[in-house]
Amino acid sequence: MKKLSIAILFLAAAFTTKAQQIPLYSNYFFTPYIYNPAYSGTSGVTEATILHRRQWSGIQGSPETSALALNGSLNDQKIGWSVYGFSDQANVLQQLGAYGNYAYHVRLSESSTLSFGLGAGYLNQTIDQSAIRAKDPGDAFTVVAPNRGTFDLNAGISLRIADFTLGAAAPQLLAQNINYSENGDGINYNLIRHYMINAQYDFKFNGDKQVLSPLIMVRAADQQVPVQIDAGLLFNLTEYGYIGAMYRSDYAVTGNIGLNLTENLTFGYAYDFSLNEYGSSFGTSHEFMLTYRFGSNKDNERMENELKRLRLQQRKQRDETEEIVDEKLEEFKDTYRSELQKEMEEQRKKMQEEMQNNAGSQNSGNTGGVNMNRPNQTGNNQGNANNNRPSQGLNNQGVRQNNTPDQFNYNNYNNADNNVGANTGNTSGTGSRMQGGNAGYYITAGVFSRQANAKSLVTKLAAQGYNARFFRDNTNNFYYVYLLKFDNYQAADQAKASNMNGSYSGDLWIKVVN
């Protein structure tokens, strides 16, 4: 009885203080959600995986592990889920477990995602009494309760930035204590909390068809369990299969190979080459994996391509929106400057009129005799000028010759367009199609940040019969499409207010170039 109790305590202590308790896999990078629930739903498809591992096949009672796992996502991959169950047999102890995992994925940007995961499950520990050999076999049945179970939690977090992934997890978070004794003699199996950190970077070639992935995982646990480090390299030919190698500290070197049997079915195999001094006595270690994906890889590629196209379209629309906002802002600034210039012109005109009125009053009081002698002459001269100049101005220029024309005639302007540059380039009330960019007031139909857009509008207006041009303002690098140019604001404002005498139906404003 005493010897049996000591043997069981020794076995339990060996599992508790000398080794990690969670099942060991060599193909875990294809099922990372088994260790870290935050990876649930990150594969992009729903998949089922079967794993079977036989470790140290040359020793009776060596560890043997089998697992079945399902993994998928919901709500456009914002929510991940996975469920898995396993059986882990090691000598007289057998562990059965079933877990359900939930993950929430937060998209930080187009290329980065932060994931949180929580797993809940039930662990059942069983002592195989038929495998126990003792001097008095009856003692085992009087002391040990063969089955004990407990509730368990796993938690994890992961961060993906472009092709780099970093994760951390804490399996057996609650660290429950399982008591096998029915009479309280203290035969216990202590679950210990584990800690895992993994990192992986994917170098992609030929699109995503060839991926080279260096990876590392660090395992640790409470109660002074030795730290174990896995470092490996995996080359994945996504259309055909994969090949890899991994070094596991103080244990073995592992070779991995996989083959895509069909578009949806992949078979994987891992072989461990033991590195310790007892490796030849332990025998070989083998692991088999079979994964089935519910969904075509081609469908996934089409979906990814469609997402890329939509993202590109959204980016293009965003750029176009920003361009339109910039153009409208520039239009507003030009309109504001035009209105301000108009007010300044009006104020200047009022000041000139007041100065002329004041000067006229002073001259009337001081030189009355002189004024009496000149009215007839002045009146005759002015009358002749007034009789002759309006018709001449209308025939040659299409507008009246005074400084504030009553009406802008765009049709007459077209008739005189060939002579505008020579005859009216300096006439304040006349519109001109002179080369843009020099000082003046431009009747503007559009403003653009890209020259191609300005040319497009000029072509469009040309098709409508307008002889439009454009120029670049070096102060802001915008391109302005204009229909006419004036030397004073009043004439430009009249042409704008009348929509060029009703000949233009679009929006117009005045661009002031000093």
Protein backbone atom coordinates (compact mmCIF):
# COMPACT_ATOMS: atom_id res chain seq x y z
CA MET A 1 0.00 0.00 0.00
CA LYS A 2 2.70 2.46 1.00
CA LYS A 3 4.88 1.51 -1.96
CA LEU A 4 1.96 1.93 -4.34
CA SER A 5 1.14 5.37 -2.97
CA ILE A 6 4.76 6.43 -3.30
CA ALA A 7 4.86 5.17 -6.90
CA ILE A 8 1.74 7.14 -7.82
CA LEU A 9 3.00 10.26 -6.08
CA PHE A 10 6.31 9.94 -7.87
CA LEU A 11 4.58 9.60 -11.23
CA ALA A 12 2.36 12.59 -10.55
CA ALA A 13 5.34 14.63 -9.40
CA ALA A 14 7.20 13.71 -12.56
CA PHE A 15 4.41 15.10 -14.68
CA THR A 16 3.99 18.16 -12.47
CA THR A 17 7.52 19.37 -11.86
CA LYS A 18 9.70 17.85 -14.55
CA ALA A 19 7.68 18.24 -17.73
CA GLN A 20 4.96 20.27 -19.34
CA GLN A 21 1.50 18.79 -19.08
CA ILE A 22 -0.23 19.96 -22.26
CA PRO A 23 -0.02 17.70 -25.32
CA LEU A 24 3.01 18.14 -27.57
CA TYR A 25 2.65 18.49 -31.36
CA SER A 26 5.16 19.00 -34.16
CA ASN A 27 2.67 20.44 -36.68
CA TYR A 28 1.15 22.99 -34.31
CA PHE A 29 1.85 25.90 -36.72
CA PHE A 30 -1.08 24.60 -38.81
CA THR A 31 -3.36 24.42 -35.75
CA PRO A 32 -2.12 27.29 -33.55
CA TYR A 33 -5.58 27.78 -31.98
CA ILE A 34 -5.03 24.57 -29.97
CA TYR A 35 -2.50 26.46 -27.84
CA ASN A 36 -3.69 30.05 -28.36
CA PRO A 37 -7.45 30.69 -28.79
CA ALA A 38 -6.72 34.11 -30.34
CA TYR A 39 -5.70 32.35 -33.58
CA SER A 40 -9.21 30.94 -34.06
CA GLY A 41 -10.65 31.92 -37.42
CA THR A 42 -7.46 33.40 -38.89
CA SER A 43 -7.07 30.88 -41.72
CA GLY A 44 -9.94 32.44 -43.69
CA VAL A 45 -11.76 29.11 -44.24
CA THR A 46 -13.58 26.51 -42.19
CA GLU A 47 -11.34 23.48 -41.74
CA ALA A 48 -11.17 20.19 -39.88
CA THR A 49 -7.88 18.62 -38.72
CA ILE A 50 -7.04 15.18 -37.35
CA LEU A 51 -3.71 14.69 -35.51
CA HIS A 52 -2.09 11.52 -34.19
CA ARG A 53 1.33 11.42 -32.52
CA ARG A 54 3.29 8.46 -31.19
CA GLN A 55 6.31 9.51 -29.15
CA TRP A 56 9.21 7.21 -28.16
CA SER A 57 7.70 4.20 -29.87
CA GLY A 58 10.47 1.97 -28.47
CA ILE A 59 9.25 2.33 -24.85
CA GLN A 60 6.19 0.61 -23.39
CA GLY A 61 3.67 3.13 -22.15
CA SER A 62 5.23 6.02 -24.08
CA PRO A 63 3.10 9.12 -24.77
CA GLU A 64 0.50 8.81 -27.49
CA THR A 65 -1.77 11.69 -28.47
CA SER A 66 -4.77 12.00 -30.79
CA ALA A 67 -6.77 15.16 -31.50
CA LEU A 68 -9.68 16.39 -33.61
CA ALA A 69 -10.13 20.11 -34.26
CA LEU A 70 -12.53 22.39 -36.16
CA ASN A 71 -11.78 26.03 -36.96
CA GLY A 72 -13.69 28.82 -38.72
CA SER A 73 -14.83 32.43 -38.65
CA LEU A 74 -17.99 34.54 -38.66
CA ASN A 75 -19.06 38.08 -39.49
CA ASP A 76 -16.49 38.73 -42.22
CA GLN A 77 -13.69 37.21 -40.11
CA LYS A 78 -14.27 39.62 -37.22
CA ILE A 79 -15.14 36.65 -34.98
CA GLY A 80 -13.21 33.39 -34.89
CA TRP A 81 -14.21 30.09 -33.36
CA SER A 82 -12.67 26.68 -32.86
CA VAL A 83 -13.44 23.47 -31.01
CA TYR A 84 -11.14 20.56 -30.37
CA GLY A 85 -10.88 17.42 -28.31
CA PHE A 86 -7.87 15.25 -27.51
CA SER A 87 -6.73 12.12 -25.81
CA ASP A 88 -3.24 12.04 -24.27
CA GLN A 89 -2.07 8.69 -22.91
CA ALA A 90 1.19 8.41 -20.91
CA ASN A 91 1.76 5.13 -19.06
CA VAL A 92 -0.95 4.71 -16.41
CA LEU A 93 -2.30 8.25 -16.80
CA GLN A 94 -4.76 9.27 -19.50
CA GLN A 95 -6.00 12.79 -20.07
CA LEU A 96 -9.14 13.60 -22.05
CA GLY A 97 -10.01 17.18 -22.91
CA ALA A 98 -12.58 19.14 -24.89
CA TYR A 99 -12.39 22.92 -25.50
CA GLY A 100 -14.32 25.62 -27.27
CA ASN A 101 -12.51 28.82 -28.25
CA TYR A 102 -13.75 32.29 -29.13
CA ALA A 103 -11.65 35.04 -30.74
CA TYR A 104 -12.40 38.65 -31.60
CA HIS A 105 -10.32 40.28 -34.32
CA VAL A 106 -9.92 44.07 -34.36
CA ARG A 107 -8.71 45.49 -37.67
CA LEU A 108 -6.31 48.31 -36.83
CA SER A 109 -5.56 49.07 -40.48
CA GLU A 110 -5.63 47.35 -43.86
CA SER A 111 -2.52 45.35 -42.95
CA SER A 112 -2.70 44.94 -39.15
CA THR A 113 -5.07 43.06 -36.84
CA LEU A 114 -5.18 42.65 -33.06
CA SER A 115 -6.92 39.49 -31.79
CA PHE A 116 -8.15 38.43 -28.36
CA GLY A 117 -9.07 34.84 -27.53
CA LEU A 118 -10.61 32.89 -24.68
CA GLY A 119 -11.05 29.13 -24.43
CA ALA A 120 -13.09 27.09 -21.96
CA GLY A 121 -13.03 23.33 -21.55
CA TYR A 122 -13.18 20.28 -19.38
CA LEU A 123 -10.23 18.02 -18.50
CA ASN A 124 -10.66 14.50 -17.23
CA GLN A 125 -7.72 12.61 -15.65
CA THR A 126 -7.85 8.84 -15.46
CA ILE A 127 -5.50 6.34 -13.82
CA ASP A 128 -5.42 3.02 -15.65
CA GLN A 129 -5.56 0.66 -12.70
CA SER A 130 -5.19 -2.40 -14.89
CA ALA A 131 -1.68 -1.25 -15.80
CA ILE A 132 -0.57 -0.93 -12.18
CA ARG A 133 1.52 -3.76 -10.77
CA ALA A 134 1.74 -3.94 -6.97
CA LYS A 135 2.54 -6.52 -4.32
CA ASP A 136 -1.02 -6.33 -3.06
CA PRO A 137 -3.26 -5.51 -6.03
CA GLY A 138 -6.24 -4.78 -3.82
CA ASP A 139 -4.62 -1.67 -2.41
CA ALA A 140 -5.06 0.26 -5.65
CA PHE A 141 -8.84 -0.12 -5.58
CA THR A 142 -9.21 0.89 -1.96
CA VAL A 143 -7.20 4.09 -2.20
CA VAL A 144 -7.46 5.53 -5.69
CA ALA A 145 -10.56 6.91 -7.47
CA PRO A 146 -9.75 6.22 -11.13
CA ASN A 147 -11.48 9.32 -12.68
CA ARG A 148 -11.31 12.97 -11.76
CA GLY A 149 -12.26 15.99 -13.87
CA THR A 150 -12.01 19.74 -13.66
CA PHE A 151 -13.00 22.92 -15.50
CA ASP A 152 -10.22 24.76 -17.35
CA LEU A 153 -9.62 28.10 -19.11
CA ASN A 154 -7.16 29.20 -21.79
CA ALA A 155 -6.46 32.83 -22.80
CA GLY A 156 -4.43 34.36 -25.59
CA ILE A 157 -3.66 37.44 -27.65
CA SER A 158 -2.05 37.92 -31.06
CA LEU A 159 -0.95 40.82 -33.25
CA ARG A 160 -0.50 40.66 -37.01
CA ILE A 161 1.29 43.50 -38.80
CA ALA A 162 1.54 42.86 -42.54
CA ASP A 163 3.44 39.54 -42.77
CA PHE A 164 4.63 39.45 -39.14
CA THR A 165 2.68 37.65 -36.40
CA LEU A 166 3.28 37.72 -32.64
CA GLY A 167 1.22 35.77 -30.11
CA ALA A 168 1.09 35.00 -26.39
CA ALA A 169 -1.09 32.50 -24.53
CA ALA A 170 -1.66 31.02 -21.08
CA PRO A 171 -3.08 27.45 -21.20
CA GLN A 172 -4.44 25.83 -18.01
CA LEU A 173 -5.00 29.31 -16.65
CA LEU A 174 -6.85 28.19 -13.50
CA ALA A 175 -4.15 25.68 -12.41
CA GLN A 176 -6.65 23.35 -10.73
CA ASN A 177 -5.68 20.64 -8.25
CA ILE A 178 -7.07 17.14 -8.91
CA ASN A 179 -7.34 14.78 -5.92
CA TYR A 180 -7.51 11.05 -6.64
CA SER A 181 -7.93 9.96 -3.06
CA GLU A 182 -11.34 9.01 -1.76
CA ASN A 183 -10.30 9.14 1.89
CA GLY A 184 -8.24 12.37 1.75
CA ASP A 185 -4.78 10.79 1.92
CA GLY A 186 -3.48 13.42 -0.52
CA ILE A 187 -2.84 11.66 -3.83
CA ASN A 188 -3.02 14.72 -6.08
CA TYR A 189 -2.37 15.73 -9.65
CA ASN A 190 -1.70 19.46 -9.92
CA LEU A 191 -2.48 21.22 -13.18
CA ILE A 192 0.07 24.00 -13.66
CA ARG A 193 -0.27 27.21 -15.59
CA HIS A 194 1.70 27.36 -18.85
CA TYR A 195 2.98 30.33 -20.85
CA MET A 196 3.64 30.41 -24.58
CA ILE A 197 5.05 33.09 -26.87
CA ASN A 198 5.38 32.60 -30.60
CA ALA A 199 6.52 34.74 -33.53
CA GLN A 200 6.47 34.17 -37.28
CA TYR A 201 7.34 36.16 -40.38
CA ASP A 202 6.20 35.21 -43.88
CA PHE A 203 8.46 36.02 -46.84
CA LYS A 204 6.22 35.78 -49.90
CA PHE A 205 7.40 35.02 -53.41
CA ASN A 206 5.53 34.80 -56.70
CA GLY A 207 2.54 36.48 -55.14
CA ASP A 208 1.36 34.25 -52.29
CA LYS A 209 2.16 30.97 -54.00
CA GLN A 210 5.51 30.47 -52.25
CA VAL A 211 5.96 31.44 -48.59
CA LEU A 212 9.13 31.05 -46.49
CA SER A 213 8.37 31.35 -42.77
CA PRO A 214 10.94 31.50 -39.96
CA LEU A 215 9.16 30.79 -36.68
CA ILE A 216 9.91 30.48 -32.99
CA MET A 217 7.97 29.38 -29.91
CA VAL A 218 8.99 29.64 -26.26
CA ARG A 219 7.22 27.44 -23.71
CA ALA A 220 7.38 27.90 -19.95
CA ALA A 221 5.35 26.83 -16.92
CA ASP A 222 5.04 27.38 -13.21
CA GLN A 223 6.84 25.31 -10.56
CA GLN A 224 10.29 25.59 -12.17
CA VAL A 225 9.48 23.59 -15.28
CA PRO A 226 12.41 24.00 -17.74
CA VAL A 227 11.87 26.49 -20.57
CA GLN A 228 11.62 24.90 -23.99
CA ILE A 229 12.38 26.73 -27.24
CA ASP A 230 11.30 25.72 -30.73
CA ALA A 231 12.99 27.38 -33.70
CA GLY A 232 12.15 26.36 -37.23
CA LEU A 233 11.80 27.21 -40.89
CA LEU A 234 8.81 26.30 -43.06
CA PHE A 235 8.65 26.57 -46.85
CA ASN A 236 5.09 26.40 -48.10
CA LEU A 237 4.26 25.82 -51.77
CA THR A 238 0.61 26.68 -51.39
CA GLU A 239 -0.44 24.77 -54.51
CA TYR A 240 1.50 21.58 -53.77
CA GLY A 241 2.48 21.22 -50.11
CA TYR A 242 5.18 22.19 -47.63
CA ILE A 243 8.52 21.17 -46.18
CA GLY A 244 10.13 22.31 -42.94
CA ALA A 245 12.57 21.67 -40.14
CA MET A 246 12.54 22.59 -36.46
CA TYR A 247 14.91 22.43 -33.50
CA ARG A 248 13.36 21.73 -30.10
CA SER A 249 15.74 22.45 -27.23
CA ASP A 250 16.84 19.53 -25.03
CA TYR A 251 14.77 17.16 -27.09
CA ALA A 252 15.03 16.69 -30.85
CA VAL A 253 15.26 17.99 -34.39
CA THR A 254 12.03 17.59 -36.34
CA GLY A 255 11.50 17.23 -40.08
CA ASN A 256 8.10 18.20 -41.52
CA ILE A 257 6.63 17.44 -44.90
CA GLY A 258 3.15 17.88 -46.33
CA LEU A 259 1.33 17.21 -49.58
CA ASN A 260 -1.88 18.68 -50.96
CA LEU A 261 -3.73 15.55 -52.02
CA THR A 262 -6.54 17.65 -53.48
CA GLU A 263 -7.40 21.32 -53.52
CA ASN A 264 -9.09 20.88 -50.15
CA LEU A 265 -7.21 17.98 -48.51
CA THR A 266 -3.67 18.11 -47.09
CA PHE A 267 -1.65 15.30 -45.54
CA GLY A 268 1.25 16.08 -43.21
CA TYR A 269 3.95 14.05 -41.49
CA ALA A 270 6.60 14.91 -38.86
CA TYR A 271 9.54 12.83 -37.68
CA ASP A 272 11.56 13.60 -34.54
CA PHE A 273 15.30 12.88 -34.38
CA SER A 274 16.10 12.65 -30.67
CA LEU A 275 19.23 14.52 -29.55
CA ASN A 276 19.68 13.31 -25.95
CA GLU A 277 21.86 10.43 -24.89
CA TYR A 278 18.91 8.08 -24.54
CA GLY A 279 17.59 8.78 -28.03
CA SER A 280 18.56 5.43 -29.46
CA SER A 281 16.80 3.65 -26.60
CA PHE A 282 13.61 5.71 -26.82
CA GLY A 283 12.94 4.78 -30.43
CA THR A 284 11.30 6.93 -33.08
CA SER A 285 8.57 9.58 -32.83
CA HIS A 286 6.00 10.05 -35.59
CA GLU A 287 3.15 12.50 -36.10
CA PHE A 288 0.45 12.41 -38.77
CA MET A 289 -1.91 15.21 -39.76
CA LEU A 290 -4.89 15.32 -42.11
CA THR A 291 -6.64 18.64 -42.83
CA TYR A 292 -9.77 19.21 -44.87
CA ARG A 293 -10.83 22.73 -45.90
CA PHE A 294 -14.53 23.38 -46.52
CA GLY A 295 -14.13 25.73 -49.45
CA SER A 296 -11.97 26.08 -52.53
CA ASN A 297 -8.61 27.80 -52.41
CA LYS A 298 -9.49 29.32 -55.78
CA ASP A 299 -12.65 30.73 -54.24
CA ASN A 300 -10.53 32.20 -51.46
CA GLU A 301 -8.14 33.71 -54.01
CA ARG A 302 -11.05 35.22 -55.92
CA MET A 303 -12.42 36.63 -52.68
CA GLU A 304 -9.05 38.08 -51.72
CA ASN A 305 -8.64 39.60 -55.19
CA GLU A 306 -12.10 41.12 -54.94
CA LEU A 307 -11.26 42.57 -51.54
CA LYS A 308 -8.04 44.02 -52.96
CA ARG A 309 -9.99 45.53 -55.85
CA LEU A 310 -12.54 47.07 -53.50
CA ARG A 311 -9.80 48.47 -51.29
CA LEU A 312 -8.06 49.96 -54.34
CA GLN A 313 -11.34 51.46 -55.49
CA GLN A 314 -11.99 52.94 -52.05
CA ARG A 315 -8.50 54.42 -52.00
CA LYS A 316 -9.06 55.93 -55.46
CA GLN A 317 -12.42 57.38 -54.41
CA ARG A 318 -10.83 58.82 -51.28
CA ASP A 319 -8.11 60.48 -53.38
CA GLU A 320 -10.70 61.87 -55.77
CA THR A 321 -12.76 63.19 -52.87
CA GLU A 322 -9.74 64.90 -51.38
CA GLU A 323 -8.95 66.40 -54.77
CA ILE A 324 -12.51 67.74 -55.13
CA VAL A 325 -12.38 69.20 -51.62
CA ASP A 326 -9.07 70.91 -52.44
CA GLU A 327 -10.49 72.29 -55.67
CA LYS A 328 -13.66 73.58 -54.00
CA LEU A 329 -11.56 75.16 -51.27
CA GLU A 330 -9.45 76.88 -53.91
CA GLU A 331 -12.60 78.08 -55.66
CA PHE A 332 -13.85 79.50 -52.38
CA LYS A 333 -10.55 81.27 -51.81
CA ASP A 334 -10.64 82.74 -55.33
CA THR A 335 -14.24 83.87 -54.89
CA TYR A 336 -13.39 85.45 -51.57
CA ARG A 337 -10.41 87.27 -53.09
CA SER A 338 -12.62 88.44 -55.97
CA GLU A 339 -15.27 89.80 -53.62
CA LEU A 340 -12.63 91.49 -51.54
CA GLN A 341 -11.09 93.03 -54.66
CA LYS A 342 -14.52 94.23 -55.73
CA GLU A 343 -15.11 95.95 -52.39
CA MET A 344 -11.70 97.57 -52.59
CA GLU A 345 -12.46 98.81 -56.13
CA GLU A 346 -15.80 100.25 -54.97
CA GLN A 347 -14.19 101.95 -52.00
CA ARG A 348 -11.49 103.39 -54.22
CA LYS A 349 -14.11 104.62 -56.69
CA LYS A 350 -16.12 106.30 -53.94
CA MET A 351 -13.02 107.99 -52.61
CA GLN A 352 -12.16 109.29 -56.09
CA GLU A 353 -15.70 110.60 -56.60
CA GLU A 354 -15.61 112.36 -53.23
CA MET A 355 -12.25 113.91 -54.07
CA GLN A 356 -13.54 115.07 -57.46
CA ASN A 357 -16.69 116.56 -55.88
CA ASN A 358 -14.64 118.40 -53.28
CA ALA A 359 -12.26 119.67 -55.97
CA GLY A 360 -15.21 120.79 -58.14
CA SER A 361 -16.72 122.77 -55.28
CA GLN A 362 -13.46 124.56 -54.61
CA ASN A 363 -12.94 125.38 -58.32
CA SER A 364 -16.50 126.70 -58.59
CA GLY A 365 -15.90 129.17 -55.79
CA ASN A 366 -12.48 130.38 -56.92
CA THR A 367 -12.64 130.44 -60.73
CA GLY A 368 -16.20 131.21 -61.59
CA GLY A 369 -15.25 133.59 -64.42
CA VAL A 370 -13.22 131.04 -66.19
CA ASN A 371 -15.99 128.46 -66.04
CA MET A 372 -18.46 130.86 -67.51
CA ASN A 373 -16.39 131.26 -70.65
CA ARG A 374 -15.79 127.56 -71.40
CA PRO A 375 -19.06 125.59 -71.08
CA ASN A 376 -20.12 125.95 -74.72
CA GLN A 377 -16.80 124.82 -76.04
CA THR A 378 -16.61 121.98 -73.62
CA GLY A 379 -20.15 120.97 -74.27
CA ASN A 380 -19.66 120.92 -78.02
CA ASN A 381 -16.53 118.86 -77.78
CA GLN A 382 -18.04 116.41 -75.36
CA GLY A 383 -21.19 116.18 -77.37
CA ASN A 384 -19.24 115.29 -80.46
CA ALA A 385 -17.28 112.73 -78.55
CA ASN A 386 -20.37 111.25 -77.05
CA ASN A 387 -22.10 111.08 -80.38
CA ASN A 388 -19.22 109.42 -82.20
CA ARG A 389 -17.60 107.08 -79.68
CA PRO A 390 -20.41 104.74 -78.58
CA SER A 391 -21.15 103.36 -82.02
CA GLN A 392 -17.48 103.05 -82.80
CA GLY A 393 -16.90 101.21 -79.54
CA LEU A 394 -19.81 98.86 -80.14
CA ASN A 395 -18.72 98.08 -83.71
CA ASN A 396 -15.09 97.38 -82.88
CA GLN A 397 -15.16 95.98 -79.38
CA GLY A 398 -18.60 94.53 -78.72
CA VAL A 399 -18.93 96.56 -75.49
CA ARG A 400 -19.30 100.15 -74.52
CA GLN A 401 -16.12 102.12 -74.08
CA ASN A 402 -16.84 103.62 -70.64
CA ASN A 403 -15.36 102.09 -67.45
CA THR A 404 -18.58 100.44 -66.25
CA PRO A 405 -20.31 98.85 -69.24
CA ASP A 406 -24.03 98.29 -68.92
CA GLN A 407 -24.04 94.95 -70.72
CA PHE A 408 -21.45 92.39 -71.86
CA ASN A 409 -22.12 91.06 -75.34
CA TYR A 410 -20.36 87.71 -75.79
CA ASN A 411 -21.56 87.33 -79.39
CA ASN A 412 -19.96 90.63 -80.42
CA TYR A 413 -16.85 89.56 -78.55
CA ASN A 414 -16.65 86.44 -80.70
CA ASN A 415 -16.85 88.53 -83.85
CA ALA A 416 -13.98 90.73 -82.69
CA ASP A 417 -11.93 87.93 -81.21
CA ASN A 418 -9.30 87.94 -83.93
CA ASN A 419 -8.39 91.56 -83.20
CA VAL A 420 -8.60 91.46 -79.42
CA GLY A 421 -4.95 90.92 -78.78
CA ALA A 422 -3.93 93.82 -81.04
CA ASN A 423 -6.68 96.37 -80.40
CA THR A 424 -8.02 95.79 -76.91
CA GLY A 425 -5.32 94.16 -74.88
CA ASN A 426 -5.10 97.26 -72.69
CA THR A 427 -8.74 98.35 -72.86
CA SER A 428 -10.21 97.96 -69.41
CA GLY A 429 -13.72 97.00 -70.37
CA THR A 430 -12.96 94.35 -72.98
CA GLY A 431 -12.65 90.57 -72.60
CA SER A 432 -9.58 88.86 -73.99
CA ARG A 433 -8.39 85.32 -74.63
CA MET A 434 -4.77 86.26 -74.13
CA GLN A 435 -2.33 83.67 -72.77
CA GLY A 436 -3.24 83.08 -69.13
CA GLY A 437 -1.04 83.60 -66.10
CA ASN A 438 -0.30 87.34 -66.39
CA ALA A 439 -2.04 89.92 -64.22
CA GLY A 440 -5.76 90.37 -64.73
CA TYR A 441 -9.24 89.08 -63.93
CA TYR A 442 -10.11 85.68 -65.40
CA ILE A 443 -13.63 84.33 -65.92
CA THR A 444 -12.94 80.83 -64.62
CA ALA A 445 -14.97 77.68 -65.28
CA GLY A 446 -12.89 75.14 -63.32
CA VAL A 447 -9.84 74.64 -61.12
CA PHE A 448 -7.90 71.39 -60.84
CA SER A 449 -4.89 69.97 -59.07
CA ARG A 450 -4.02 67.82 -62.12
CA GLN A 451 -3.22 69.14 -65.57
CA ALA A 452 -4.99 66.20 -67.23
CA ASN A 453 -8.29 67.20 -65.61
CA ALA A 454 -7.87 70.79 -66.80
CA LYS A 455 -7.21 69.61 -70.35
CA SER A 456 -10.27 67.39 -70.15
CA LEU A 457 -12.51 70.33 -69.27
CA VAL A 458 -10.98 72.47 -72.07
CA THR A 459 -11.77 69.68 -74.53
CA LYS A 460 -15.31 69.39 -73.19
CA LEU A 461 -15.89 73.15 -73.50
CA ALA A 462 -14.41 73.15 -77.00
CA ALA A 463 -17.00 70.57 -78.02
CA GLN A 464 -19.66 73.01 -76.76
CA GLY A 465 -18.26 75.87 -78.84
CA TYR A 466 -16.18 77.69 -76.22
CA ASN A 467 -12.60 78.71 -76.89
CA ALA A 468 -11.39 77.93 -73.36
CA ARG A 469 -7.80 77.86 -72.16
CA PHE A 470 -6.01 77.06 -68.93
CA PHE A 471 -2.96 78.22 -67.03
CA ARG A 472 -1.05 77.15 -63.93
CA ASP A 473 -0.90 79.38 -60.87
CA ASN A 474 2.63 78.99 -59.47
CA THR A 475 1.55 80.19 -56.04
CA ASN A 476 -0.60 77.09 -55.39
CA ASN A 477 0.23 74.79 -58.37
CA PHE A 478 -3.45 74.57 -59.41
CA TYR A 479 -4.63 74.68 -63.03
CA TYR A 480 -7.36 77.21 -63.94
CA VAL A 481 -9.64 76.81 -66.97
CA TYR A 482 -10.85 80.26 -68.11
CA LEU A 483 -13.09 81.62 -70.85
CA LEU A 484 -12.16 85.34 -70.81
CA LYS A 485 -9.68 87.73 -69.23
CA PHE A 486 -10.31 91.38 -68.25
CA ASP A 487 -8.10 94.24 -67.12
CA ASN A 488 -10.54 95.54 -64.47
CA TYR A 489 -12.83 93.89 -62.01
CA GLN A 490 -16.09 95.67 -63.01
CA ALA A 491 -16.03 94.30 -66.55
CA ALA A 492 -15.14 90.81 -65.33
CA ASP A 493 -17.90 90.93 -62.72
CA GLN A 494 -20.45 91.98 -65.34
CA ALA A 495 -19.47 89.08 -67.60
CA LYS A 496 -19.66 86.64 -64.68
CA ALA A 497 -22.99 87.97 -63.37
CA SER A 498 -24.59 87.70 -66.82
CA ASN A 499 -23.10 84.24 -67.43
CA MET A 500 -21.40 85.78 -70.44
CA ASN A 501 -24.67 87.35 -71.61
CA GLY A 502 -26.49 84.06 -71.07
CA SER A 503 -24.25 82.02 -73.33
CA TYR A 504 -22.81 79.85 -70.52
CA SER A 505 -24.94 77.69 -68.20
CA GLY A 506 -22.29 76.47 -65.75
CA ASP A 507 -20.77 78.02 -62.63
CA LEU A 508 -18.32 80.86 -63.13
CA TRP A 509 -16.12 82.85 -60.82
CA ILE A 510 -13.33 85.38 -61.07
CA LYS A 511 -9.69 84.41 -60.64
CA VAL A 512 -7.58 87.41 -59.69
CA VAL A 513 -3.92 87.37 -60.75
CA ASN A 514 -1.83 90.25 -59.47
